[in-house]
Amino acid sequence: MSAGHIKVPDPTHDQCTNNATVDLGDGLTGVAAWYPQMGGYVSHCVIVPQPGGCMDVYVWHDGDFPFAPDHYGIENPAEPRRLHHCDGQQFIDLGELLVRLEGAQGTELPS
């Protein structure tokens, strides 16, 4: 997936750490952030609010699944992947579950 008609610049580490506003041109802005670890490490991302409360999140990641160039027809790892999210609470719920499971490591899963 490419950024489509929006040219989204890859933010710097400092911009991600500080959740800086990113100018996308034509009056559009996004917010720089760190996308959680997928495929081995966290990634730069720019979050672009969409109508209806959803977000397009442009993620720069050249690591393993699901962002590797050989998955889903992705050819250029230098281009961001556009992910569409509509419910931030789902990430909170998943994060809370991951924290509960971190200590299990092959033992009985906590409830």
PDB file of N, CA and C in Angstrom:
ATOM      1  N   MET A   1       0.834  -1.158   0.000  1.00  0.00           N
ATOM      2  CA  MET A   1       0.000   0.000   0.000  1.00  0.00           C
ATOM      3  C   MET A   1       0.888   1.232   0.000  1.00  0.00           C
ATOM      4  N   SER A   2       0.582   2.193  -0.766  1.00  0.00           N
ATOM      5  CA  SER A   2       1.362   3.424  -0.749  1.00  0.00           C
ATOM      6  C   SER A   2       0.530   4.528  -0.124  1.00  0.00           C
ATOM      7  N   ALA A   3       1.132   5.674   0.050  1.00  0.00           N
ATOM      8  CA  ALA A   3       0.456   6.791   0.683  1.00  0.00           C
ATOM      9  C   ALA A   3      -0.648   7.369  -0.183  1.00  0.00           C
ATOM     10  N   GLY A   4      -0.790   6.908  -1.402  1.00  0.00           N
ATOM     11  CA  GLY A   4      -1.853   7.403  -2.268  1.00  0.00           C
ATOM     12  C   GLY A   4      -1.606   8.821  -2.718  1.00  0.00           C
ATOM     13  N   HIS A   5      -2.664   9.628  -2.764  1.00  0.00           N
ATOM     14  CA  HIS A   5      -2.527  10.985  -3.270  1.00  0.00           C
ATOM     15  C   HIS A   5      -1.932  11.951  -2.254  1.00  0.00           C
ATOM     16  N   ILE A   6      -1.823  11.557  -0.988  1.00  0.00           N
ATOM     17  CA  ILE A   6      -1.220  12.408   0.035  1.00  0.00           C
ATOM     18  C   ILE A   6       0.267  12.085   0.116  1.00  0.00           C
ATOM     19  N   LYS A   7       1.101  13.106   0.028  1.00  0.00           N
ATOM     20  CA  LYS A   7       2.540  12.913   0.194  1.00  0.00           C
ATOM     21  C   LYS A   7       2.854  13.110   1.668  1.00  0.00           C
ATOM     22  N   VAL A   8       3.087  12.011   2.359  1.00  0.00           N
ATOM     23  CA  VAL A   8       3.331  12.047   3.794  1.00  0.00           C
ATOM     24  C   VAL A   8       4.825  11.913   4.032  1.00  0.00           C
ATOM     25  N   PRO A   9       5.457  12.939   4.641  1.00  0.00           N
ATOM     26  CA  PRO A   9       6.898  12.868   4.887  1.00  0.00           C
ATOM     27  C   PRO A   9       7.210  11.956   6.072  1.00  0.00           C
ATOM     28  N   ASP A  10       8.314  11.224   5.970  1.00  0.00           N
ATOM     29  CA  ASP A  10       8.785  10.372   7.059  1.00  0.00           C
ATOM     30  C   ASP A  10       9.253  11.274   8.201  1.00  0.00           C
ATOM     31  N   PRO A  11       8.623  11.189   9.375  1.00  0.00           N
ATOM     32  CA  PRO A  11       9.024  12.057  10.483  1.00  0.00           C
ATOM     33  C   PRO A  11      10.350  11.610  11.089  1.00  0.00           C
ATOM     34  N   THR A  12      10.980  12.535  11.803  1.00  0.00           N
ATOM     35  CA  THR A  12      12.229  12.234  12.501  1.00  0.00           C
ATOM     36  C   THR A  12      11.921  11.528  13.819  1.00  0.00           C
ATOM     37  N   HIS A  13      12.962  10.977  14.433  1.00  0.00           N
ATOM     38  CA  HIS A  13      12.809  10.352  15.744  1.00  0.00           C
ATOM     39  C   HIS A  13      12.251  11.365  16.749  1.00  0.00           C
ATOM     40  N   ASP A  14      12.810  12.588  16.746  1.00  0.00           N
ATOM     41  CA  ASP A  14      12.358  13.621  17.680  1.00  0.00           C
ATOM     42  C   ASP A  14      10.892  13.985  17.455  1.00  0.00           C
ATOM     43  N   GLN A  15      10.475  14.095  16.195  1.00  0.00           N
ATOM     44  CA  GLN A  15       9.076  14.398  15.918  1.00  0.00           C
ATOM     45  C   GLN A  15       8.168  13.300  16.465  1.00  0.00           C
ATOM     46  N   CYS A  16       8.566  12.040  16.285  1.00  0.00           N
ATOM     47  CA  CYS A  16       7.757  10.924  16.794  1.00  0.00           C
ATOM     48  C   CYS A  16       7.690  10.945  18.316  1.00  0.00           C
ATOM     49  N   THR A  17       8.824  11.156  18.959  1.00  0.00           N
ATOM     50  CA  THR A  17       8.887  11.173  20.413  1.00  0.00           C
ATOM     51  C   THR A  17       8.040  12.300  20.991  1.00  0.00           C
ATOM     52  N   ASN A  18       7.995  13.439  20.297  1.00  0.00           N
ATOM     53  CA  ASN A  18       7.277  14.610  20.787  1.00  0.00           C
ATOM     54  C   ASN A  18       5.873  14.762  20.211  1.00  0.00           C
ATOM     55  N   ASN A  19       5.421  13.776  19.430  1.00  0.00           N
ATOM     56  CA  ASN A  19       4.101  13.844  18.783  1.00  0.00           C
ATOM     57  C   ASN A  19       3.889  15.186  18.096  1.00  0.00           C
ATOM     58  N   ALA A  20       4.881  15.545  17.281  1.00  0.00           N
ATOM     59  CA  ALA A  20       4.860  16.822  16.568  1.00  0.00           C
ATOM     60  C   ALA A  20       3.805  16.823  15.458  1.00  0.00           C
ATOM     61  N   THR A  21       3.286  17.998  15.170  1.00  0.00           N
ATOM     62  CA  THR A  21       2.382  18.172  14.041  1.00  0.00           C
ATOM     63  C   THR A  21       3.208  18.139  12.760  1.00  0.00           C
ATOM     64  N   VAL A  22       2.710  17.437  11.750  1.00  0.00           N
ATOM     65  CA  VAL A  22       3.402  17.289  10.470  1.00  0.00           C
ATOM     66  C   VAL A  22       2.548  17.942   9.385  1.00  0.00           C
ATOM     67  N   ASP A  23       3.149  18.849   8.638  1.00  0.00           N
ATOM     68  CA  ASP A  23       2.450  19.534   7.550  1.00  0.00           C
ATOM     69  C   ASP A  23       2.402  18.617   6.329  1.00  0.00           C
ATOM     70  N   LEU A  24       1.196  18.338   5.853  1.00  0.00           N
ATOM     71  CA  LEU A  24       1.004  17.466   4.695  1.00  0.00           C
ATOM     72  C   LEU A  24       0.656  18.255   3.444  1.00  0.00           C
ATOM     73  N   GLY A  25       0.630  19.586   3.549  1.00  0.00           N
ATOM     74  CA  GLY A  25       0.270  20.433   2.417  1.00  0.00           C
ATOM     75  C   GLY A  25      -1.239  20.543   2.259  1.00  0.00           C
ATOM     76  N   ASP A  26      -1.664  21.515   1.479  1.00  0.00           N
ATOM     77  CA  ASP A  26      -3.091  21.749   1.215  1.00  0.00           C
ATOM     78  C   ASP A  26      -3.917  21.865   2.489  1.00  0.00           C
ATOM     79  N   GLY A  27      -3.320  22.411   3.543  1.00  0.00           N
ATOM     80  CA  GLY A  27      -4.043  22.603   4.793  1.00  0.00           C
ATOM     81  C   GLY A  27      -4.209  21.356   5.639  1.00  0.00           C
ATOM     82  N   LEU A  28      -3.667  20.247   5.202  1.00  0.00           N
ATOM     83  CA  LEU A  28      -3.759  19.000   5.958  1.00  0.00           C
ATOM     84  C   LEU A  28      -2.590  18.873   6.927  1.00  0.00           C
ATOM     85  N   THR A  29      -2.875  18.306   8.095  1.00  0.00           N
ATOM     86  CA  THR A  29      -1.814  18.024   9.054  1.00  0.00           C
ATOM     87  C   THR A  29      -2.007  16.625   9.618  1.00  0.00           C
ATOM     88  N   GLY A  30      -0.927  16.093  10.131  1.00  0.00           N
ATOM     89  CA  GLY A  30      -0.950  14.818  10.821  1.00  0.00           C
ATOM     90  C   GLY A  30      -0.150  14.952  12.101  1.00  0.00           C
ATOM     91  N   VAL A  31      -0.072  13.870  12.841  1.00  0.00           N
ATOM     92  CA  VAL A  31       0.689  13.848  14.086  1.00  0.00           C
ATOM     93  C   VAL A  31       1.715  12.726  13.999  1.00  0.00           C
ATOM     94  N   ALA A  32       2.980  13.065  14.250  1.00  0.00           N
ATOM     95  CA  ALA A  32       4.051  12.068  14.249  1.00  0.00           C
ATOM     96  C   ALA A  32       3.983  11.253  15.541  1.00  0.00           C
ATOM     97  N   ALA A  33       4.285   9.961  15.443  1.00  0.00           N
ATOM     98  CA  ALA A  33       4.256   9.084  16.614  1.00  0.00           C
ATOM     99  C   ALA A  33       5.107   7.853  16.327  1.00  0.00           C
ATOM    100  N   TRP A  34       5.221   7.011  17.330  1.00  0.00           N
ATOM    101  CA  TRP A  34       5.863   5.707  17.180  1.00  0.00           C
ATOM    102  C   TRP A  34       4.770   4.670  17.058  1.00  0.00           C
ATOM    103  N   TYR A  35       4.815   3.834  15.986  1.00  0.00           N
ATOM    104  CA  TYR A  35       3.854   2.743  15.841  1.00  0.00           C
ATOM    105  C   TYR A  35       4.396   1.568  16.634  1.00  0.00           C
ATOM    106  N   PRO A  36       3.545   0.880  17.389  1.00  0.00           N
ATOM    107  CA  PRO A  36       4.027  -0.215  18.240  1.00  0.00           C
ATOM    108  C   PRO A  36       4.783  -1.295  17.462  1.00  0.00           C
ATOM    109  N   GLN A  37       5.573  -2.040  18.194  1.00  0.00           N
ATOM    110  CA  GLN A  37       6.410  -3.088  17.619  1.00  0.00           C
ATOM    111  C   GLN A  37       5.589  -4.077  16.807  1.00  0.00           C
ATOM    112  N   MET A  38       5.973  -4.234  15.556  1.00  0.00           N
ATOM    113  CA  MET A  38       5.431  -5.266  14.670  1.00  0.00           C
ATOM    114  C   MET A  38       6.589  -5.700  13.792  1.00  0.00           C
ATOM    115  N   GLY A  39       6.855  -6.958  13.712  1.00  0.00           N
ATOM    116  CA  GLY A  39       7.959  -7.425  12.886  1.00  0.00           C
ATOM    117  C   GLY A  39       9.308  -7.112  13.494  1.00  0.00           C
ATOM    118  N   GLY A  40       9.381  -6.901  14.791  1.00  0.00           N
ATOM    119  CA  GLY A  40      10.666  -6.788  15.452  1.00  0.00           C
ATOM    120  C   GLY A  40      11.024  -5.440  16.036  1.00  0.00           C
ATOM    121  N   TYR A  41      10.426  -4.340  15.574  1.00  0.00           N
ATOM    122  CA  TYR A  41      10.791  -3.036  16.140  1.00  0.00           C
ATOM    123  C   TYR A  41       9.697  -2.021  15.867  1.00  0.00           C
ATOM    124  N   VAL A  42       9.722  -0.939  16.659  1.00  0.00           N
ATOM    125  CA  VAL A  42       8.748   0.131  16.475  1.00  0.00           C
ATOM    126  C   VAL A  42       9.104   0.932  15.234  1.00  0.00           C
ATOM    127  N   SER A  43       8.166   1.716  14.747  1.00  0.00           N
ATOM    128  CA  SER A  43       8.355   2.432  13.488  1.00  0.00           C
ATOM    129  C   SER A  43       7.863   3.858  13.592  1.00  0.00           C
ATOM    130  N   HIS A  44       8.435   4.714  12.754  1.00  0.00           N
ATOM    131  CA  HIS A  44       7.885   6.059  12.592  1.00  0.00           C
ATOM    132  C   HIS A  44       6.489   5.923  12.007  1.00  0.00           C
ATOM    133  N   CYS A  45       5.592   6.810  12.392  1.00  0.00           N
ATOM    134  CA  CYS A  45       4.289   6.861  11.737  1.00  0.00           C
ATOM    135  C   CYS A  45       3.755   8.279  11.788  1.00  0.00           C
ATOM    136  N   VAL A  46       2.823   8.560  10.889  1.00  0.00           N
ATOM    137  CA  VAL A  46       2.079   9.812  10.900  1.00  0.00           C
ATOM    138  C   VAL A  46       0.605   9.448  10.911  1.00  0.00           C
ATOM    139  N   ILE A  47      -0.112   9.996  11.890  1.00  0.00           N
ATOM    140  CA  ILE A  47      -1.539   9.741  12.050  1.00  0.00           C
ATOM    141  C   ILE A  47      -2.300  10.896  11.414  1.00  0.00           C
ATOM    142  N   VAL A  48      -3.210  10.556  10.497  1.00  0.00           N
ATOM    143  CA  VAL A  48      -3.983  11.569   9.783  1.00  0.00           C
ATOM    144  C   VAL A  48      -5.470  11.329  10.066  1.00  0.00           C
ATOM    145  N   PRO A  49      -6.100  12.218  10.855  1.00  0.00           N
ATOM    146  CA  PRO A  49      -7.525  12.054  11.144  1.00  0.00           C
ATOM    147  C   PRO A  49      -8.357  12.091   9.865  1.00  0.00           C
ATOM    148  N   GLN A  50      -9.407  11.261   9.848  1.00  0.00           N
ATOM    149  CA  GLN A  50     -10.323  11.172   8.712  1.00  0.00           C
ATOM    150  C   GLN A  50     -11.731  11.513   9.182  1.00  0.00           C
ATOM    151  N   PRO A  51     -12.607  11.865   8.261  1.00  0.00           N
ATOM    152  CA  PRO A  51     -13.997  12.126   8.642  1.00  0.00           C
ATOM    153  C   PRO A  51     -14.604  10.899   9.330  1.00  0.00           C
ATOM    154  N   GLY A  52     -15.459  11.134  10.297  1.00  0.00           N
ATOM    155  CA  GLY A  52     -16.128  10.035  10.979  1.00  0.00           C
ATOM    156  C   GLY A  52     -15.352   9.484  12.162  1.00  0.00           C
ATOM    157  N   GLY A  53     -14.233  10.094  12.518  1.00  0.00           N
ATOM    158  CA  GLY A  53     -13.480   9.654  13.685  1.00  0.00           C
ATOM    159  C   GLY A  53     -12.429   8.599  13.431  1.00  0.00           C
ATOM    160  N   CYS A  54     -12.315   8.110  12.214  1.00  0.00           N
ATOM    161  CA  CYS A  54     -11.284   7.120  11.899  1.00  0.00           C
ATOM    162  C   CYS A  54      -9.944   7.806  11.649  1.00  0.00           C
ATOM    163  N   MET A  55      -8.905   7.032  11.543  1.00  0.00           N
ATOM    164  CA  MET A  55      -7.557   7.544  11.318  1.00  0.00           C
ATOM    165  C   MET A  55      -6.860   6.734  10.241  1.00  0.00           C
ATOM    166  N   ASP A  56      -6.146   7.416   9.354  1.00  0.00           N
ATOM    167  CA  ASP A  56      -5.202   6.743   8.478  1.00  0.00           C
ATOM    168  C   ASP A  56      -3.840   6.891   9.135  1.00  0.00           C
ATOM    169  N   VAL A  57      -3.143   5.793   9.284  1.00  0.00           N
ATOM    170  CA  VAL A  57      -1.833   5.812   9.921  1.00  0.00           C
ATOM    171  C   VAL A  57      -0.825   5.338   8.885  1.00  0.00           C
ATOM    172  N   TYR A  58       0.106   6.218   8.537  1.00  0.00           N
ATOM    173  CA  TYR A  58       1.152   5.914   7.558  1.00  0.00           C
ATOM    174  C   TYR A  58       2.378   5.449   8.329  1.00  0.00           C
ATOM    175  N   VAL A  59       2.798   4.201   8.087  1.00  0.00           N
ATOM    176  CA  VAL A  59       3.851   3.553   8.866  1.00  0.00           C
ATOM    177  C   VAL A  59       5.055   3.260   7.974  1.00  0.00           C
ATOM    178  N   TRP A  60       6.239   3.690   8.414  1.00  0.00           N
ATOM    179  CA  TRP A  60       7.491   3.372   7.705  1.00  0.00           C
ATOM    180  C   TRP A  60       8.120   2.188   8.408  1.00  0.00           C
ATOM    181  N   HIS A  61       8.209   1.072   7.714  1.00  0.00           N
ATOM    182  CA  HIS A  61       8.722  -0.143   8.337  1.00  0.00           C
ATOM    183  C   HIS A  61       9.265  -1.041   7.238  1.00  0.00           C
ATOM    184  N   ASP A  62      10.512  -1.426   7.322  1.00  0.00           N
ATOM    185  CA  ASP A  62      11.072  -2.322   6.306  1.00  0.00           C
ATOM    186  C   ASP A  62      11.472  -3.657   6.919  1.00  0.00           C
ATOM    187  N   GLY A  63      10.782  -4.027   7.989  1.00  0.00           N
ATOM    188  CA  GLY A  63      11.100  -5.264   8.678  1.00  0.00           C
ATOM    189  C   GLY A  63      10.268  -6.435   8.193  1.00  0.00           C
ATOM    190  N   ASP A  64      10.017  -7.352   9.101  1.00  0.00           N
ATOM    191  CA  ASP A  64       9.323  -8.588   8.791  1.00  0.00           C
ATOM    192  C   ASP A  64       7.823  -8.378   8.640  1.00  0.00           C
ATOM    193  N   PHE A  65       7.114  -9.499   8.425  1.00  0.00           N
ATOM    194  CA  PHE A  65       5.667  -9.500   8.304  1.00  0.00           C
ATOM    195  C   PHE A  65       5.057  -8.567   9.341  1.00  0.00           C
ATOM    196  N   PRO A  66       4.054  -7.808   9.021  1.00  0.00           N
ATOM    197  CA  PRO A  66       3.342  -7.751   7.746  1.00  0.00           C
ATOM    198  C   PRO A  66       3.849  -6.667   6.806  1.00  0.00           C
ATOM    199  N   PHE A  67       5.037  -6.128   7.078  1.00  0.00           N
ATOM    200  CA  PHE A  67       5.512  -4.997   6.301  1.00  0.00           C
ATOM    201  C   PHE A  67       6.611  -5.316   5.296  1.00  0.00           C
ATOM    202  N   ALA A  68       7.081  -6.547   5.257  1.00  0.00           N
ATOM    203  CA  ALA A  68       8.176  -6.899   4.356  1.00  0.00           C
ATOM    204  C   ALA A  68       7.750  -6.723   2.899  1.00  0.00           C
ATOM    205  N   PRO A  69       8.696  -6.389   2.018  1.00  0.00           N
ATOM    206  CA  PRO A  69       8.351  -6.147   0.614  1.00  0.00           C
ATOM    207  C   PRO A  69       7.675  -7.317  -0.085  1.00  0.00           C
ATOM    208  N   ASP A  70       7.865  -8.549   0.387  1.00  0.00           N
ATOM    209  CA  ASP A  70       7.275  -9.690  -0.310  1.00  0.00           C
ATOM    210  C   ASP A  70       5.861 -10.024   0.172  1.00  0.00           C
ATOM    211  N   HIS A  71       5.309  -9.259   1.078  1.00  0.00           N
ATOM    212  CA  HIS A  71       3.957  -9.499   1.574  1.00  0.00           C
ATOM    213  C   HIS A  71       2.980  -8.502   0.969  1.00  0.00           C
ATOM    214  N   TYR A  72       1.814  -8.983   0.579  1.00  0.00           N
ATOM    215  CA  TYR A  72       0.719  -8.138   0.127  1.00  0.00           C
ATOM    216  C   TYR A  72       1.087  -7.242  -1.051  1.00  0.00           C
ATOM    217  N   GLY A  73       2.025  -7.663  -1.880  1.00  0.00           N
ATOM    218  CA  GLY A  73       2.373  -6.891  -3.063  1.00  0.00           C
ATOM    219  C   GLY A  73       3.173  -5.633  -2.779  1.00  0.00           C
ATOM    220  N   ILE A  74       3.706  -5.498  -1.578  1.00  0.00           N
ATOM    221  CA  ILE A  74       4.502  -4.325  -1.222  1.00  0.00           C
ATOM    222  C   ILE A  74       5.854  -4.449  -1.901  1.00  0.00           C
ATOM    223  N   GLU A  75       6.204  -3.439  -2.667  1.00  0.00           N
ATOM    224  CA  GLU A  75       7.454  -3.509  -3.415  1.00  0.00           C
ATOM    225  C   GLU A  75       8.531  -2.572  -2.891  1.00  0.00           C
ATOM    226  N   ASN A  76       8.157  -1.435  -2.328  1.00  0.00           N
ATOM    227  CA  ASN A  76       9.144  -0.444  -1.920  1.00  0.00           C
ATOM    228  C   ASN A  76       9.044  -0.173  -0.421  1.00  0.00           C
ATOM    229  N   PRO A  77       9.980  -0.711   0.384  1.00  0.00           N
ATOM    230  CA  PRO A  77       9.905  -0.498   1.820  1.00  0.00           C
ATOM    231  C   PRO A  77      10.132   0.950   2.241  1.00  0.00           C
ATOM    232  N   ALA A  78      10.621   1.806   1.345  1.00  0.00           N
ATOM    233  CA  ALA A  78      10.827   3.209   1.691  1.00  0.00           C
ATOM    234  C   ALA A  78       9.510   3.987   1.711  1.00  0.00           C
ATOM    235  N   GLU A  79       8.475   3.457   1.077  1.00  0.00           N
ATOM    236  CA  GLU A  79       7.162   4.099   1.080  1.00  0.00           C
ATOM    237  C   GLU A  79       6.393   3.668   2.324  1.00  0.00           C
ATOM    238  N   PRO A  80       5.625   4.585   2.915  1.00  0.00           N
ATOM    239  CA  PRO A  80       4.850   4.187   4.092  1.00  0.00           C
ATOM    240  C   PRO A  80       3.683   3.276   3.721  1.00  0.00           C
ATOM    241  N   ARG A  81       3.287   2.447   4.669  1.00  0.00           N
ATOM    242  CA  ARG A  81       2.096   1.617   4.517  1.00  0.00           C
ATOM    243  C   ARG A  81       0.944   2.382   5.135  1.00  0.00           C
ATOM    244  N   ARG A  82      -0.188   2.452   4.459  1.00  0.00           N
ATOM    245  CA  ARG A  82      -1.358   3.147   4.977  1.00  0.00           C
ATOM    246  C   ARG A  82      -2.261   2.133   5.672  1.00  0.00           C
ATOM    247  N   LEU A  83      -2.425   2.318   6.982  1.00  0.00           N
ATOM    248  CA  LEU A  83      -3.296   1.471   7.779  1.00  0.00           C
ATOM    249  C   LEU A  83      -4.481   2.320   8.229  1.00  0.00           C
ATOM    250  N   HIS A  84      -5.663   1.759   8.168  1.00  0.00           N
ATOM    251  CA  HIS A  84      -6.870   2.491   8.524  1.00  0.00           C
ATOM    252  C   HIS A  84      -7.412   1.937   9.837  1.00  0.00           C
ATOM    253  N   HIS A  85      -7.533   2.800  10.847  1.00  0.00           N
ATOM    254  CA  HIS A  85      -8.012   2.393  12.166  1.00  0.00           C
ATOM    255  C   HIS A  85      -9.236   3.221  12.545  1.00  0.00           C
ATOM    256  N   CYS A  86     -10.224   2.563  13.124  1.00  0.00           N
ATOM    257  CA  CYS A  86     -11.445   3.272  13.514  1.00  0.00           C
ATOM    258  C   CYS A  86     -11.791   3.145  14.992  1.00  0.00           C
ATOM    259  N   ASP A  87     -11.038   2.381  15.764  1.00  0.00           N
ATOM    260  CA  ASP A  87     -11.406   2.192  17.160  1.00  0.00           C
ATOM    261  C   ASP A  87     -10.141   2.071  18.006  1.00  0.00           C
ATOM    262  N   GLY A  88      -9.701   3.193  18.561  1.00  0.00           N
ATOM    263  CA  GLY A  88      -8.504   3.198  19.393  1.00  0.00           C
ATOM    264  C   GLY A  88      -8.620   2.310  20.623  1.00  0.00           C
ATOM    265  N   GLN A  89      -9.840   2.120  21.121  1.00  0.00           N
ATOM    266  CA  GLN A  89     -10.040   1.278  22.296  1.00  0.00           C
ATOM    267  C   GLN A  89      -9.580  -0.154  22.036  1.00  0.00           C
ATOM    268  N   GLN A  90      -9.667  -0.605  20.784  1.00  0.00           N
ATOM    269  CA  GLN A  90      -9.191  -1.954  20.458  1.00  0.00           C
ATOM    270  C   GLN A  90      -7.692  -2.082  20.736  1.00  0.00           C
ATOM    271  N   PHE A  91      -6.914  -1.018  20.472  1.00  0.00           N
ATOM    272  CA  PHE A  91      -5.478  -1.050  20.760  1.00  0.00           C
ATOM    273  C   PHE A  91      -5.229  -1.064  22.267  1.00  0.00           C
ATOM    274  N   ILE A  92      -6.031  -0.322  23.017  1.00  0.00           N
ATOM    275  CA  ILE A  92      -5.894  -0.323  24.472  1.00  0.00           C
ATOM    276  C   ILE A  92      -6.185  -1.710  25.015  1.00  0.00           C
ATOM    277  N   ASP A  93      -7.281  -2.327  24.541  1.00  0.00           N
ATOM    278  CA  ASP A  93      -7.643  -3.672  24.993  1.00  0.00           C
ATOM    279  C   ASP A  93      -6.546  -4.680  24.658  1.00  0.00           C
ATOM    280  N   LEU A  94      -6.016  -4.613  23.438  1.00  0.00           N
ATOM    281  CA  LEU A  94      -4.938  -5.516  23.045  1.00  0.00           C
ATOM    282  C   LEU A  94      -3.699  -5.270  23.901  1.00  0.00           C
ATOM    283  N   GLY A  95      -3.354  -4.009  24.140  1.00  0.00           N
ATOM    284  CA  GLY A  95      -2.192  -3.684  24.963  1.00  0.00           C
ATOM    285  C   GLY A  95      -2.321  -4.218  26.369  1.00  0.00           C
ATOM    286  N   GLU A  96      -3.512  -4.086  26.956  1.00  0.00           N
ATOM    287  CA  GLU A  96      -3.733  -4.608  28.304  1.00  0.00           C
ATOM    288  C   GLU A  96      -3.587  -6.126  28.329  1.00  0.00           C
ATOM    289  N   LEU A  97      -4.092  -6.796  27.295  1.00  0.00           N
ATOM    290  CA  LEU A  97      -3.928  -8.249  27.208  1.00  0.00           C
ATOM    291  C   LEU A  97      -2.453  -8.621  27.051  1.00  0.00           C
ATOM    292  N   LEU A  98      -1.730  -7.907  26.199  1.00  0.00           N
ATOM    293  CA  LEU A  98      -0.301  -8.193  26.009  1.00  0.00           C
ATOM    294  C   LEU A  98       0.457  -8.047  27.319  1.00  0.00           C
ATOM    295  N   VAL A  99       0.150  -7.020  28.100  1.00  0.00           N
ATOM    296  CA  VAL A  99       0.816  -6.823  29.388  1.00  0.00           C
ATOM    297  C   VAL A  99       0.519  -7.989  30.324  1.00  0.00           C
ATOM    298  N   ARG A 100      -0.739  -8.462  30.353  1.00  0.00           N
ATOM    299  CA  ARG A 100      -1.082  -9.604  31.203  1.00  0.00           C
ATOM    300  C   ARG A 100      -0.347 -10.869  30.759  1.00  0.00           C
ATOM    301  N   LEU A 101      -0.166 -11.035  29.447  1.00  0.00           N
ATOM    302  CA  LEU A 101       0.457 -12.256  28.916  1.00  0.00           C
ATOM    303  C   LEU A 101       1.986 -12.231  28.956  1.00  0.00           C
ATOM    304  N   GLU A 102       2.584 -11.058  29.090  1.00  0.00           N
ATOM    305  CA  GLU A 102       4.055 -10.967  29.067  1.00  0.00           C
ATOM    306  C   GLU A 102       4.718 -11.873  30.086  1.00  0.00           C
ATOM    307  N   GLY A 103       4.137 -12.004  31.261  1.00  0.00           N
ATOM    308  CA  GLY A 103       4.741 -12.819  32.313  1.00  0.00           C
ATOM    309  C   GLY A 103       4.499 -14.305  32.144  1.00  0.00           C
ATOM    310  N   ALA A 104       3.572 -14.701  31.297  1.00  0.00           N
ATOM    311  CA  ALA A 104       3.216 -16.116  31.164  1.00  0.00           C
ATOM    312  C   ALA A 104       4.335 -16.916  30.524  1.00  0.00           C
ATOM    313  N   GLN A 105       4.839 -16.499  29.399  1.00  0.00           N
ATOM    314  CA  GLN A 105       5.953 -17.103  28.682  1.00  0.00           C
ATOM    315  C   GLN A 105       5.966 -18.630  28.757  1.00  0.00           C
ATOM    316  N   GLY A 106       4.937 -19.255  28.191  1.00  0.00           N
ATOM    317  CA  GLY A 106       4.903 -20.711  28.091  1.00  0.00           C
ATOM    318  C   GLY A 106       4.288 -21.406  29.282  1.00  0.00           C
ATOM    319  N   THR A 107       3.924 -20.648  30.299  1.00  0.00           N
ATOM    320  CA  THR A 107       3.266 -21.263  31.455  1.00  0.00           C
ATOM    321  C   THR A 107       1.758 -21.076  31.299  1.00  0.00           C
ATOM    322  N   GLU A 108       1.034 -21.381  32.334  1.00  0.00           N
ATOM    323  CA  GLU A 108      -0.419 -21.198  32.283  1.00  0.00           C
ATOM    324  C   GLU A 108      -0.747 -19.735  32.030  1.00  0.00           C
ATOM    325  N   LEU A 109      -1.654 -19.479  31.102  1.00  0.00           N
ATOM    326  CA  LEU A 109      -2.022 -18.117  30.761  1.00  0.00           C
ATOM    327  C   LEU A 109      -2.829 -17.488  31.878  1.00  0.00           C
ATOM    328  N   PRO A 110      -2.546 -16.222  32.207  1.00  0.00           N
ATOM    329  CA  PRO A 110      -3.332 -15.553  33.259  1.00  0.00           C
ATOM    330  C   PRO A 110      -4.734 -15.263  32.750  1.00  0.00           C
ATOM    331  N   SER A 111      -5.670 -15.181  33.672  1.00  0.00           N
ATOM    332  CA  SER A 111      -7.046 -14.873  33.283  1.00  0.00           C
ATOM    333  C   SER A 111      -7.310 -13.391  33.419  1.00  0.00           C
TER     334      SER A 111
END
